[in-house]
Amino acid sequence: MIEVTLSDTDRVEYALKSFRRKVQKSGILKELRARRHYVKPSLARRLKAAAALRRKRRKARSWSA
């Protein structure tokens, strides 16, 4: 469970920004989107392999530039 502690002088905008950063870092929303629909294991493997290929291509492109 994510908590953001505030003192009396902290602003609400700061607390909201801190909360969003913690949620992003924990990966809760990513997991929620992944669990929204059932993905067959074979399709999950294909998607995972495609993502790895994209990462590999992006890394190779950044090294050459």
Protein backbone atom coordinates (compact mmCIF):
# COMPACT_ATOMS: atom_id res chain seq x y z
CA MET A 1 0.00 0.00 0.00
CA ILE A 2 1.34 3.38 -0.99
CA GLU A 3 1.43 6.17 1.56
CA VAL A 4 2.34 9.81 1.26
CA THR A 5 2.93 11.58 4.55
CA LEU A 6 2.45 15.32 4.74
CA SER A 7 3.34 17.96 7.23
CA ASP A 8 1.16 21.01 7.88
CA THR A 9 3.19 23.15 5.50
CA ASP A 10 3.11 20.76 2.52
CA ARG A 11 0.91 21.61 -0.42
CA VAL A 12 -1.69 19.28 -1.95
CA GLU A 13 -0.07 19.54 -5.40
CA TYR A 14 3.20 18.25 -3.95
CA ALA A 15 1.43 15.35 -2.28
CA LEU A 16 -0.38 14.43 -5.48
CA LYS A 17 2.83 14.58 -7.50
CA SER A 18 4.60 12.42 -4.93
CA PHE A 19 1.74 9.91 -4.93
CA ARG A 20 1.74 9.65 -8.72
CA ARG A 21 5.50 9.12 -8.74
CA LYS A 22 5.24 6.32 -6.18
CA VAL A 23 2.40 4.62 -8.09
CA GLN A 24 4.38 4.84 -11.33
CA LYS A 25 7.50 3.41 -9.70
CA SER A 26 5.64 0.52 -8.07
CA GLY A 27 4.06 -0.58 -11.37
CA ILE A 28 0.52 -0.83 -10.03
CA LEU A 29 -1.12 0.75 -13.07
CA LYS A 30 0.93 -1.36 -15.48
CA GLU A 31 -0.20 -4.51 -13.70
CA LEU A 32 -3.80 -3.29 -13.64
CA ARG A 33 -3.79 -2.73 -17.40
CA ALA A 34 -2.21 -6.14 -17.97
CA ARG A 35 -4.86 -7.87 -15.86
CA ARG A 36 -7.79 -6.04 -17.41
CA HIS A 37 -8.21 -8.78 -20.03
CA TYR A 38 -7.08 -12.38 -20.05
CA VAL A 39 -4.12 -13.03 -22.32
CA LYS A 40 -3.42 -16.57 -23.43
CA PRO A 41 0.04 -17.82 -22.47
CA SER A 42 1.07 -18.25 -26.11
CA LEU A 43 0.07 -14.67 -26.89
CA ALA A 44 1.83 -13.42 -23.76
CA ARG A 45 5.07 -15.10 -24.91
CA ARG A 46 4.69 -13.51 -28.35
CA LEU A 47 4.09 -10.06 -26.87
CA LYS A 48 7.03 -10.44 -24.51
CA ALA A 49 9.33 -11.48 -27.36
CA ALA A 50 8.15 -8.55 -29.50
CA ALA A 51 8.81 -6.12 -26.65
CA ALA A 52 12.30 -7.55 -26.19
CA LEU A 53 12.97 -7.13 -29.91
CA ARG A 54 11.80 -3.50 -29.78
CA ARG A 55 14.07 -2.82 -26.81
CA LYS A 56 17.00 -4.47 -28.60
CA ARG A 57 16.44 -2.41 -31.77
CA ARG A 58 16.06 0.81 -29.79
CA LYS A 59 19.28 0.11 -27.89
CA ALA A 60 21.15 -0.72 -31.10
CA ARG A 61 19.90 2.48 -32.69
CA SER A 62 21.05 4.60 -29.75
CA TRP A 63 24.53 3.02 -29.77
CA SER A 64 25.10 3.74 -33.45
CA ALA A 65 24.05 7.40 -33.22
